[in-house]
Full PDB file with SEQRES, HELIX, SHEET, SSBOND, CRYST1, ORIGX, SCALE, CONECT and MASTER records, all heavy atoms in Angstrom:
SEQRES   1 A   30  PHE ASN ARG LYS ASP ASP VAL GLN ALA GLN TRP VAL GLY          
SEQRES   2 A   30  GLN ALA LEU GLY VAL ASN GLU PRO ARG LEU LEU GLN ARG          
SEQRES   3 A   30  TYR VAL PRO SER                                              
HELIX    1 AA1 VAL A    7  LEU A   16  1                                  10    
CRYST1    1.000    1.000    1.000  90.00  90.00  90.00 P 1           1          
ORIGX1      1.000000  0.000000  0.000000        0.00000                         
ORIGX2      0.000000  1.000000  0.000000        0.00000                         
ORIGX3      0.000000  0.000000  1.000000        0.00000                         
SCALE1      1.000000  0.000000  0.000000        0.00000                         
SCALE2      0.000000  1.000000  0.000000        0.00000                         
SCALE3      0.000000  0.000000  1.000000        0.00000                         
ATOM      1  N   PHE A   1     -19.882   3.120 -17.443  1.00  0.00           N  
ATOM      2  CA  PHE A   1     -21.214   3.614 -17.828  1.00  0.00           C  
ATOM      3  C   PHE A   1     -22.202   2.461 -17.975  1.00  0.00           C  
ATOM      4  O   PHE A   1     -23.266   2.459 -17.368  1.00  0.00           O  
ATOM      5  CB  PHE A   1     -21.113   4.397 -19.140  1.00  0.00           C  
ATOM      6  CG  PHE A   1     -22.388   5.078 -19.539  1.00  0.00           C  
ATOM      7  CD1 PHE A   1     -22.725   6.317 -19.024  1.00  0.00           C  
ATOM      8  CD2 PHE A   1     -23.265   4.477 -20.434  1.00  0.00           C  
ATOM      9  CE1 PHE A   1     -23.901   6.948 -19.389  1.00  0.00           C  
ATOM     10  CE2 PHE A   1     -24.444   5.094 -20.796  1.00  0.00           C  
ATOM     11  CZ  PHE A   1     -24.765   6.332 -20.269  1.00  0.00           C  
ATOM     12  N   ASN A   2     -21.885   1.481 -18.792  1.00  0.00           N  
ATOM     13  CA  ASN A   2     -22.717   0.279 -18.947  1.00  0.00           C  
ATOM     14  C   ASN A   2     -21.861  -0.831 -19.541  1.00  0.00           C  
ATOM     15  O   ASN A   2     -20.658  -0.661 -19.737  1.00  0.00           O  
ATOM     16  CB  ASN A   2     -23.971   0.552 -19.795  1.00  0.00           C  
ATOM     17  CG  ASN A   2     -23.642   1.016 -21.203  1.00  0.00           C  
ATOM     18  OD1 ASN A   2     -22.558   0.737 -21.740  1.00  0.00           O  
ATOM     19  ND2 ASN A   2     -24.565   1.725 -21.830  1.00  0.00           N  
ATOM     20  N   ARG A   3     -22.462  -1.957 -19.842  1.00  0.00           N  
ATOM     21  CA  ARG A   3     -21.687  -3.108 -20.308  1.00  0.00           C  
ATOM     22  C   ARG A   3     -21.180  -2.963 -21.738  1.00  0.00           C  
ATOM     23  O   ARG A   3     -20.404  -3.798 -22.204  1.00  0.00           O  
ATOM     24  CB  ARG A   3     -22.512  -4.398 -20.127  1.00  0.00           C  
ATOM     25  CG  ARG A   3     -22.589  -4.817 -18.667  1.00  0.00           C  
ATOM     26  CD  ARG A   3     -23.537  -5.969 -18.418  1.00  0.00           C  
ATOM     27  NE  ARG A   3     -23.459  -6.425 -17.046  1.00  0.00           N  
ATOM     28  CZ  ARG A   3     -24.018  -5.812 -16.001  1.00  0.00           C  
ATOM     29  NH1 ARG A   3     -24.706  -4.694 -16.186  1.00  0.00           N  
ATOM     30  NH2 ARG A   3     -23.870  -6.298 -14.784  1.00  0.00           N  
ATOM     31  N   LYS A   4     -21.632  -1.946 -22.435  1.00  0.00           N  
ATOM     32  CA  LYS A   4     -21.097  -1.667 -23.761  1.00  0.00           C  
ATOM     33  C   LYS A   4     -19.839  -0.795 -23.691  1.00  0.00           C  
ATOM     34  O   LYS A   4     -19.124  -0.659 -24.685  1.00  0.00           O  
ATOM     35  CB  LYS A   4     -22.152  -0.943 -24.616  1.00  0.00           C  
ATOM     36  CG  LYS A   4     -23.410  -1.743 -24.890  1.00  0.00           C  
ATOM     37  CD  LYS A   4     -24.398  -0.901 -25.683  1.00  0.00           C  
ATOM     38  CE  LYS A   4     -25.674  -1.661 -25.998  1.00  0.00           C  
ATOM     39  NZ  LYS A   4     -26.648  -0.824 -26.743  1.00  0.00           N  
ATOM     40  N   ASP A   5     -19.597  -0.193 -22.550  1.00  0.00           N  
ATOM     41  CA  ASP A   5     -18.546   0.806 -22.381  1.00  0.00           C  
ATOM     42  C   ASP A   5     -17.193   0.126 -22.199  1.00  0.00           C  
ATOM     43  O   ASP A   5     -17.003  -0.617 -21.228  1.00  0.00           O  
ATOM     44  CB  ASP A   5     -18.883   1.671 -21.165  1.00  0.00           C  
ATOM     45  CG  ASP A   5     -17.930   2.833 -20.980  1.00  0.00           C  
ATOM     46  OD1 ASP A   5     -17.119   3.089 -21.888  1.00  0.00           O  
ATOM     47  OD2 ASP A   5     -18.002   3.487 -19.922  1.00  0.00           O  
ATOM     48  N   ASP A   6     -16.250   0.386 -23.107  1.00  0.00           N  
ATOM     49  CA  ASP A   6     -14.925  -0.214 -22.977  1.00  0.00           C  
ATOM     50  C   ASP A   6     -13.810   0.815 -22.921  1.00  0.00           C  
ATOM     51  O   ASP A   6     -12.628   0.471 -23.036  1.00  0.00           O  
ATOM     52  CB  ASP A   6     -14.667  -1.188 -24.132  1.00  0.00           C  
ATOM     53  CG  ASP A   6     -14.567  -0.493 -25.482  1.00  0.00           C  
ATOM     54  OD1 ASP A   6     -14.904   0.712 -25.566  1.00  0.00           O  
ATOM     55  OD2 ASP A   6     -14.150  -1.149 -26.452  1.00  0.00           O  
ATOM     56  N   VAL A   7     -14.150   2.094 -22.714  1.00  0.00           N  
ATOM     57  CA  VAL A   7     -13.115   3.122 -22.711  1.00  0.00           C  
ATOM     58  C   VAL A   7     -12.173   2.957 -21.521  1.00  0.00           C  
ATOM     59  O   VAL A   7     -10.993   3.311 -21.597  1.00  0.00           O  
ATOM     60  CB  VAL A   7     -13.753   4.534 -22.740  1.00  0.00           C  
ATOM     61  CG1 VAL A   7     -14.433   4.876 -21.421  1.00  0.00           C  
ATOM     62  CG2 VAL A   7     -12.709   5.593 -23.088  1.00  0.00           C  
ATOM     63  N   GLN A   8     -12.669   2.395 -20.407  1.00  0.00           N  
ATOM     64  CA  GLN A   8     -11.801   2.161 -19.256  1.00  0.00           C  
ATOM     65  C   GLN A   8     -10.708   1.151 -19.612  1.00  0.00           C  
ATOM     66  O   GLN A   8      -9.526   1.342 -19.289  1.00  0.00           O  
ATOM     67  CB  GLN A   8     -12.611   1.652 -18.057  1.00  0.00           C  
ATOM     68  CG  GLN A   8     -13.575   2.652 -17.478  1.00  0.00           C  
ATOM     69  CD  GLN A   8     -14.838   2.785 -18.295  1.00  0.00           C  
ATOM     70  OE1 GLN A   8     -15.154   1.917 -19.119  1.00  0.00           O  
ATOM     71  NE2 GLN A   8     -15.582   3.857 -18.080  1.00  0.00           N  
ATOM     72  N   ALA A   9     -11.106   0.056 -20.269  1.00  0.00           N  
ATOM     73  CA  ALA A   9     -10.124  -0.950 -20.678  1.00  0.00           C  
ATOM     74  C   ALA A   9      -9.135  -0.365 -21.683  1.00  0.00           C  
ATOM     75  O   ALA A   9      -7.934  -0.681 -21.647  1.00  0.00           O  
ATOM     76  CB  ALA A   9     -10.838  -2.163 -21.268  1.00  0.00           C  
ATOM     77  N   GLN A  10      -9.618   0.490 -22.582  1.00  0.00           N  
ATOM     78  CA  GLN A  10      -8.717   1.138 -23.533  1.00  0.00           C  
ATOM     79  C   GLN A  10      -7.691   1.999 -22.807  1.00  0.00           C  
ATOM     80  O   GLN A  10      -6.499   1.977 -23.127  1.00  0.00           O  
ATOM     81  CB  GLN A  10      -9.518   2.012 -24.509  1.00  0.00           C  
ATOM     82  CG  GLN A  10     -10.389   1.264 -25.491  1.00  0.00           C  
ATOM     83  CD  GLN A  10     -11.083   2.219 -26.437  1.00  0.00           C  
ATOM     84  OE1 GLN A  10     -10.459   3.114 -27.022  1.00  0.00           O  
ATOM     85  NE2 GLN A  10     -12.379   2.064 -26.604  1.00  0.00           N  
ATOM     86  N   TRP A  11      -8.174   2.742 -21.799  1.00  0.00           N  
ATOM     87  CA  TRP A  11      -7.258   3.622 -21.064  1.00  0.00           C  
ATOM     88  C   TRP A  11      -6.225   2.809 -20.300  1.00  0.00           C  
ATOM     89  O   TRP A  11      -5.024   3.138 -20.310  1.00  0.00           O  
ATOM     90  CB  TRP A  11      -8.056   4.521 -20.108  1.00  0.00           C  
ATOM     91  CG  TRP A  11      -7.182   5.523 -19.413  1.00  0.00           C  
ATOM     92  CD1 TRP A  11      -6.855   6.780 -19.834  1.00  0.00           C  
ATOM     93  CD2 TRP A  11      -6.494   5.330 -18.166  1.00  0.00           C  
ATOM     94  NE1 TRP A  11      -6.014   7.384 -18.935  1.00  0.00           N  
ATOM     95  CE2 TRP A  11      -5.772   6.513 -17.908  1.00  0.00           C  
ATOM     96  CE3 TRP A  11      -6.423   4.273 -17.259  1.00  0.00           C  
ATOM     97  CZ2 TRP A  11      -4.986   6.671 -16.758  1.00  0.00           C  
ATOM     98  CZ3 TRP A  11      -5.636   4.422 -16.118  1.00  0.00           C  
ATOM     99  CH2 TRP A  11      -4.931   5.605 -15.872  1.00  0.00           C  
ATOM    100  N   VAL A  12      -6.643   1.746 -19.631  1.00  0.00           N  
ATOM    101  CA  VAL A  12      -5.711   0.897 -18.890  1.00  0.00           C  
ATOM    102  C   VAL A  12      -4.680   0.286 -19.840  1.00  0.00           C  
ATOM    103  O   VAL A  12      -3.483   0.222 -19.532  1.00  0.00           O  
ATOM    104  CB  VAL A  12      -6.466  -0.213 -18.122  1.00  0.00           C  
ATOM    105  CG1 VAL A  12      -5.500  -1.265 -17.585  1.00  0.00           C  
ATOM    106  CG2 VAL A  12      -7.261   0.395 -16.982  1.00  0.00           C  
ATOM    107  N   GLY A  13      -5.137  -0.146 -21.017  1.00  0.00           N  
ATOM    108  CA  GLY A  13      -4.203  -0.699 -21.984  1.00  0.00           C  
ATOM    109  C   GLY A  13      -3.161   0.307 -22.409  1.00  0.00           C  
ATOM    110  O   GLY A  13      -1.974  -0.032 -22.564  1.00  0.00           O  
ATOM    111  N   GLN A  14      -3.576   1.558 -22.595  1.00  0.00           N  
ATOM    112  CA  GLN A  14      -2.645   2.592 -23.029  1.00  0.00           C  
ATOM    113  C   GLN A  14      -1.747   3.044 -21.887  1.00  0.00           C  
ATOM    114  O   GLN A  14      -0.544   3.260 -22.071  1.00  0.00           O  
ATOM    115  CB  GLN A  14      -3.421   3.783 -23.595  1.00  0.00           C  
ATOM    116  CG  GLN A  14      -2.541   4.866 -24.213  1.00  0.00           C  
ATOM    117  CD  GLN A  14      -3.354   5.901 -24.977  1.00  0.00           C  
ATOM    118  OE1 GLN A  14      -4.262   5.540 -25.731  1.00  0.00           O  
ATOM    119  NE2 GLN A  14      -3.035   7.166 -24.788  1.00  0.00           N  
ATOM    120  N   ALA A  15      -2.300   3.182 -20.679  1.00  0.00           N  
ATOM    121  CA  ALA A  15      -1.536   3.697 -19.549  1.00  0.00           C  
ATOM    122  C   ALA A  15      -0.589   2.658 -18.958  1.00  0.00           C  
ATOM    123  O   ALA A  15       0.542   2.980 -18.559  1.00  0.00           O  
ATOM    124  CB  ALA A  15      -2.486   4.202 -18.460  1.00  0.00           C  
ATOM    125  N   LEU A  16      -1.052   1.403 -18.900  1.00  0.00           N  
ATOM    126  CA  LEU A  16      -0.286   0.368 -18.200  1.00  0.00           C  
ATOM    127  C   LEU A  16       0.202  -0.750 -19.103  1.00  0.00           C  
ATOM    128  O   LEU A  16       0.939  -1.630 -18.646  1.00  0.00           O  
ATOM    129  CB  LEU A  16      -1.134  -0.235 -17.069  1.00  0.00           C  
ATOM    130  CG  LEU A  16      -1.718   0.745 -16.046  1.00  0.00           C  
ATOM    131  CD1 LEU A  16      -2.518   0.002 -14.997  1.00  0.00           C  
ATOM    132  CD2 LEU A  16      -0.615   1.573 -15.408  1.00  0.00           C  
ATOM    133  N   GLY A  17      -0.235  -0.752 -20.349  1.00  0.00           N  
ATOM    134  CA  GLY A  17       0.179  -1.811 -21.251  1.00  0.00           C  
ATOM    135  C   GLY A  17      -0.439  -3.154 -20.932  1.00  0.00           C  
ATOM    136  O   GLY A  17       0.113  -4.199 -21.294  1.00  0.00           O  
ATOM    137  N   VAL A  18      -1.584  -3.146 -20.268  1.00  0.00           N  
ATOM    138  CA  VAL A  18      -2.271  -4.385 -19.899  1.00  0.00           C  
ATOM    139  C   VAL A  18      -3.376  -4.643 -20.918  1.00  0.00           C  
ATOM    140  O   VAL A  18      -4.326  -3.862 -21.024  1.00  0.00           O  
ATOM    141  CB  VAL A  18      -2.862  -4.303 -18.480  1.00  0.00           C  
ATOM    142  CG1 VAL A  18      -3.608  -5.589 -18.140  1.00  0.00           C  
ATOM    143  CG2 VAL A  18      -1.766  -4.029 -17.463  1.00  0.00           C  
ATOM    144  N   ASN A  19      -3.284  -5.720 -21.653  1.00  0.00           N  
ATOM    145  CA  ASN A  19      -4.292  -6.054 -22.657  1.00  0.00           C  
ATOM    146  C   ASN A  19      -5.445  -6.807 -22.018  1.00  0.00           C  
ATOM    147  O   ASN A  19      -5.239  -7.695 -21.180  1.00  0.00           O  
ATOM    148  CB  ASN A  19      -3.676  -6.891 -23.776  1.00  0.00           C  
ATOM    149  CG  ASN A  19      -2.632  -6.120 -24.568  1.00  0.00           C  
ATOM    150  OD1 ASN A  19      -2.785  -4.933 -24.808  1.00  0.00           O  
ATOM    151  ND2 ASN A  19      -1.568  -6.800 -24.968  1.00  0.00           N  
ATOM    152  N   GLU A  20      -6.659  -6.461 -22.412  1.00  0.00           N  
ATOM    153  CA  GLU A  20      -7.876  -7.093 -21.914  1.00  0.00           C  
ATOM    154  C   GLU A  20      -7.872  -7.216 -20.385  1.00  0.00           C  
ATOM    155  O   GLU A  20      -7.986  -8.311 -19.825  1.00  0.00           O  
ATOM    156  CB  GLU A  20      -8.067  -8.471 -22.562  1.00  0.00           C  
ATOM    157  CG  GLU A  20      -8.199  -8.409 -24.069  1.00  0.00           C  
ATOM    158  CD  GLU A  20      -8.450  -9.773 -24.700  1.00  0.00           C  
ATOM    159  OE1 GLU A  20      -8.550 -10.761 -23.934  1.00  0.00           O  
ATOM    160  OE2 GLU A  20      -8.562  -9.844 -25.934  1.00  0.00           O  
ATOM    161  N   PRO A  21      -7.738  -6.088 -19.698  1.00  0.00           N  
ATOM    162  CA  PRO A  21      -7.680  -6.145 -18.231  1.00  0.00           C  
ATOM    163  C   PRO A  21      -9.017  -6.579 -17.635  1.00  0.00           C  
ATOM    164  O   PRO A  21     -10.084  -6.256 -18.159  1.00  0.00           O  
ATOM    165  CB  PRO A  21      -7.355  -4.699 -17.849  1.00  0.00           C  
ATOM    166  CG  PRO A  21      -7.903  -3.884 -18.978  1.00  0.00           C  
ATOM    167  CD  PRO A  21      -7.685  -4.714 -20.208  1.00  0.00           C  
ATOM    168  N   ARG A  22      -8.950  -7.312 -16.547  1.00  0.00           N  
ATOM    169  CA  ARG A  22     -10.150  -7.699 -15.798  1.00  0.00           C  
ATOM    170  C   ARG A  22     -10.315  -6.692 -14.672  1.00  0.00           C  
ATOM    171  O   ARG A  22      -9.601  -6.732 -13.659  1.00  0.00           O  
ATOM    172  CB  ARG A  22     -10.006  -9.122 -15.257  1.00  0.00           C  
ATOM    173  CG  ARG A  22      -9.837 -10.164 -16.361  1.00  0.00           C  
ATOM    174  CD  ARG A  22      -9.685 -11.560 -15.786  1.00  0.00           C  
ATOM    175  NE  ARG A  22     -10.904 -11.982 -15.091  1.00  0.00           N  
ATOM    176  CZ  ARG A  22     -11.036 -13.166 -14.492  1.00  0.00           C  
ATOM    177  NH1 ARG A  22     -10.012 -14.014 -14.468  1.00  0.00           N  
ATOM    178  NH2 ARG A  22     -12.160 -13.481 -13.893  1.00  0.00           N  
ATOM    179  N   LEU A  23     -11.260  -5.772 -14.850  1.00  0.00           N  
ATOM    180  CA  LEU A  23     -11.434  -4.658 -13.928  1.00  0.00           C  
ATOM    181  C   LEU A  23     -12.572  -4.916 -12.957  1.00  0.00           C  
ATOM    182  O   LEU A  23     -13.575  -5.562 -13.301  1.00  0.00           O  
ATOM    183  CB  LEU A  23     -11.725  -3.366 -14.712  1.00  0.00           C  
ATOM    184  CG  LEU A  23     -10.697  -2.968 -15.787  1.00  0.00           C  
ATOM    185  CD1 LEU A  23     -11.162  -1.711 -16.506  1.00  0.00           C  
ATOM    186  CD2 LEU A  23      -9.324  -2.770 -15.175  1.00  0.00           C  
ATOM    187  N   LEU A  24     -12.415  -4.406 -11.737  1.00  0.00           N  
ATOM    188  CA  LEU A  24     -13.538  -4.350 -10.804  1.00  0.00           C  
ATOM    189  C   LEU A  24     -14.424  -3.205 -11.247  1.00  0.00           C  
ATOM    190  O   LEU A  24     -13.979  -2.054 -11.299  1.00  0.00           O  
ATOM    191  CB  LEU A  24     -13.032  -4.120  -9.379  1.00  0.00           C  
ATOM    192  CG  LEU A  24     -12.133  -5.207  -8.787  1.00  0.00           C  
ATOM    193  CD1 LEU A  24     -11.599  -4.755  -7.425  1.00  0.00           C  
ATOM    194  CD2 LEU A  24     -12.884  -6.513  -8.657  1.00  0.00           C  
ATOM    195  N   GLN A  25     -15.682  -3.491 -11.583  1.00  0.00           N  
ATOM    196  CA  GLN A  25     -16.522  -2.489 -12.229  1.00  0.00           C  
ATOM    197  C   GLN A  25     -17.769  -2.184 -11.417  1.00  0.00           C  
ATOM    198  O   GLN A  25     -18.407  -3.090 -10.862  1.00  0.00           O  
ATOM    199  CB  GLN A  25     -16.930  -2.983 -13.629  1.00  0.00           C  
ATOM    200  CG  GLN A  25     -15.737  -3.194 -14.555  1.00  0.00           C  
ATOM    201  CD  GLN A  25     -16.129  -3.758 -15.897  1.00  0.00           C  
ATOM    202  OE1 GLN A  25     -17.036  -4.579 -15.995  1.00  0.00           O  
ATOM    203  NE2 GLN A  25     -15.440  -3.340 -16.956  1.00  0.00           N  
ATOM    204  N   ARG A  26     -18.110  -0.897 -11.381  1.00  0.00           N  
ATOM    205  CA  ARG A  26     -19.358  -0.430 -10.793  1.00  0.00           C  
ATOM    206  C   ARG A  26     -20.073   0.388 -11.862  1.00  0.00           C  
ATOM    207  O   ARG A  26     -19.526   1.371 -12.362  1.00  0.00           O  
ATOM    208  CB  ARG A  26     -19.095   0.406  -9.535  1.00  0.00           C  
ATOM    209  CG  ARG A  26     -18.517  -0.427  -8.394  1.00  0.00           C  
ATOM    210  CD  ARG A  26     -18.091   0.401  -7.209  1.00  0.00           C  
ATOM    211  NE  ARG A  26     -17.661  -0.452  -6.101  1.00  0.00           N  
ATOM    212  CZ  ARG A  26     -17.065  -0.015  -5.005  1.00  0.00           C  
ATOM    213  NH1 ARG A  26     -16.819   1.284  -4.853  1.00  0.00           N  
ATOM    214  NH2 ARG A  26     -16.700  -0.856  -4.049  1.00  0.00           N  
ATOM    215  N   TYR A  27     -21.294  -0.003 -12.190  1.00  0.00           N  
ATOM    216  CA  TYR A  27     -21.999   0.574 -13.340  1.00  0.00           C  
ATOM    217  C   TYR A  27     -22.894   1.737 -12.917  1.00  0.00           C  
ATOM    218  O   TYR A  27     -23.702   1.623 -11.994  1.00  0.00           O  
ATOM    219  CB  TYR A  27     -22.845  -0.497 -14.033  1.00  0.00           C  
ATOM    220  CG  TYR A  27     -22.020  -1.606 -14.637  1.00  0.00           C  
ATOM    221  CD1 TYR A  27     -21.833  -2.810 -13.968  1.00  0.00           C  
ATOM    222  CD2 TYR A  27     -21.395  -1.436 -15.874  1.00  0.00           C  
ATOM    223  CE1 TYR A  27     -21.065  -3.829 -14.511  1.00  0.00           C  
ATOM    224  CE2 TYR A  27     -20.629  -2.448 -16.429  1.00  0.00           C  
ATOM    225  CZ  TYR A  27     -20.463  -3.633 -15.742  1.00  0.00           C  
ATOM    226  OH  TYR A  27     -19.698  -4.635 -16.281  1.00  0.00           O  
ATOM    227  N   VAL A  28     -22.744   2.852 -13.631  1.00  0.00           N  
ATOM    228  CA  VAL A  28     -23.584   4.035 -13.404  1.00  0.00           C  
ATOM    229  C   VAL A  28     -23.972   4.577 -14.787  1.00  0.00           C  
ATOM    230  O   VAL A  28     -23.190   5.303 -15.414  1.00  0.00           O  
ATOM    231  CB  VAL A  28     -22.859   5.112 -12.581  1.00  0.00           C  
ATOM    232  CG1 VAL A  28     -23.774   6.313 -12.353  1.00  0.00           C  
ATOM    233  CG2 VAL A  28     -22.370   4.552 -11.246  1.00  0.00           C  
ATOM    234  N   PRO A  29     -25.171   4.251 -15.293  1.00  0.00           N  
ATOM    235  CA  PRO A  29     -25.538   4.578 -16.680  1.00  0.00           C  
ATOM    236  C   PRO A  29     -26.126   5.974 -16.874  1.00  0.00           C  
ATOM    237  O   PRO A  29     -27.200   6.148 -17.438  1.00  0.00           O  
ATOM    238  CB  PRO A  29     -26.563   3.492 -17.011  1.00  0.00           C  
ATOM    239  CG  PRO A  29     -27.239   3.227 -15.712  1.00  0.00           C  
ATOM    240  CD  PRO A  29     -26.175   3.386 -14.660  1.00  0.00           C  
ATOM    241  N   SER A  30     -25.426   6.985 -16.413  1.00  0.00           N  
ATOM    242  CA  SER A  30     -25.818   8.379 -16.623  1.00  0.00           C  
ATOM    243  C   SER A  30     -24.553   9.205 -16.594  1.00  0.00           C  
ATOM    244  O   SER A  30     -23.737   9.054 -15.671  1.00  0.00           O  
ATOM    245  CB  SER A  30     -26.785   8.846 -15.528  1.00  0.00           C  
ATOM    246  OG  SER A  30     -26.797  10.258 -15.428  1.00  0.00           O  
TER     247      SER A  30                                                      
MASTER        0    0    0    1    0    0    0    6  246    1    0    3          
END                                                                             
């Protein structure tokens, strides 16, 4: 959603056990 949004990292941490993942991100703020 934007640079404040961290729910993707939370989901990856829970699903894959990867802490502080470095994700390829595309921002869509709506």
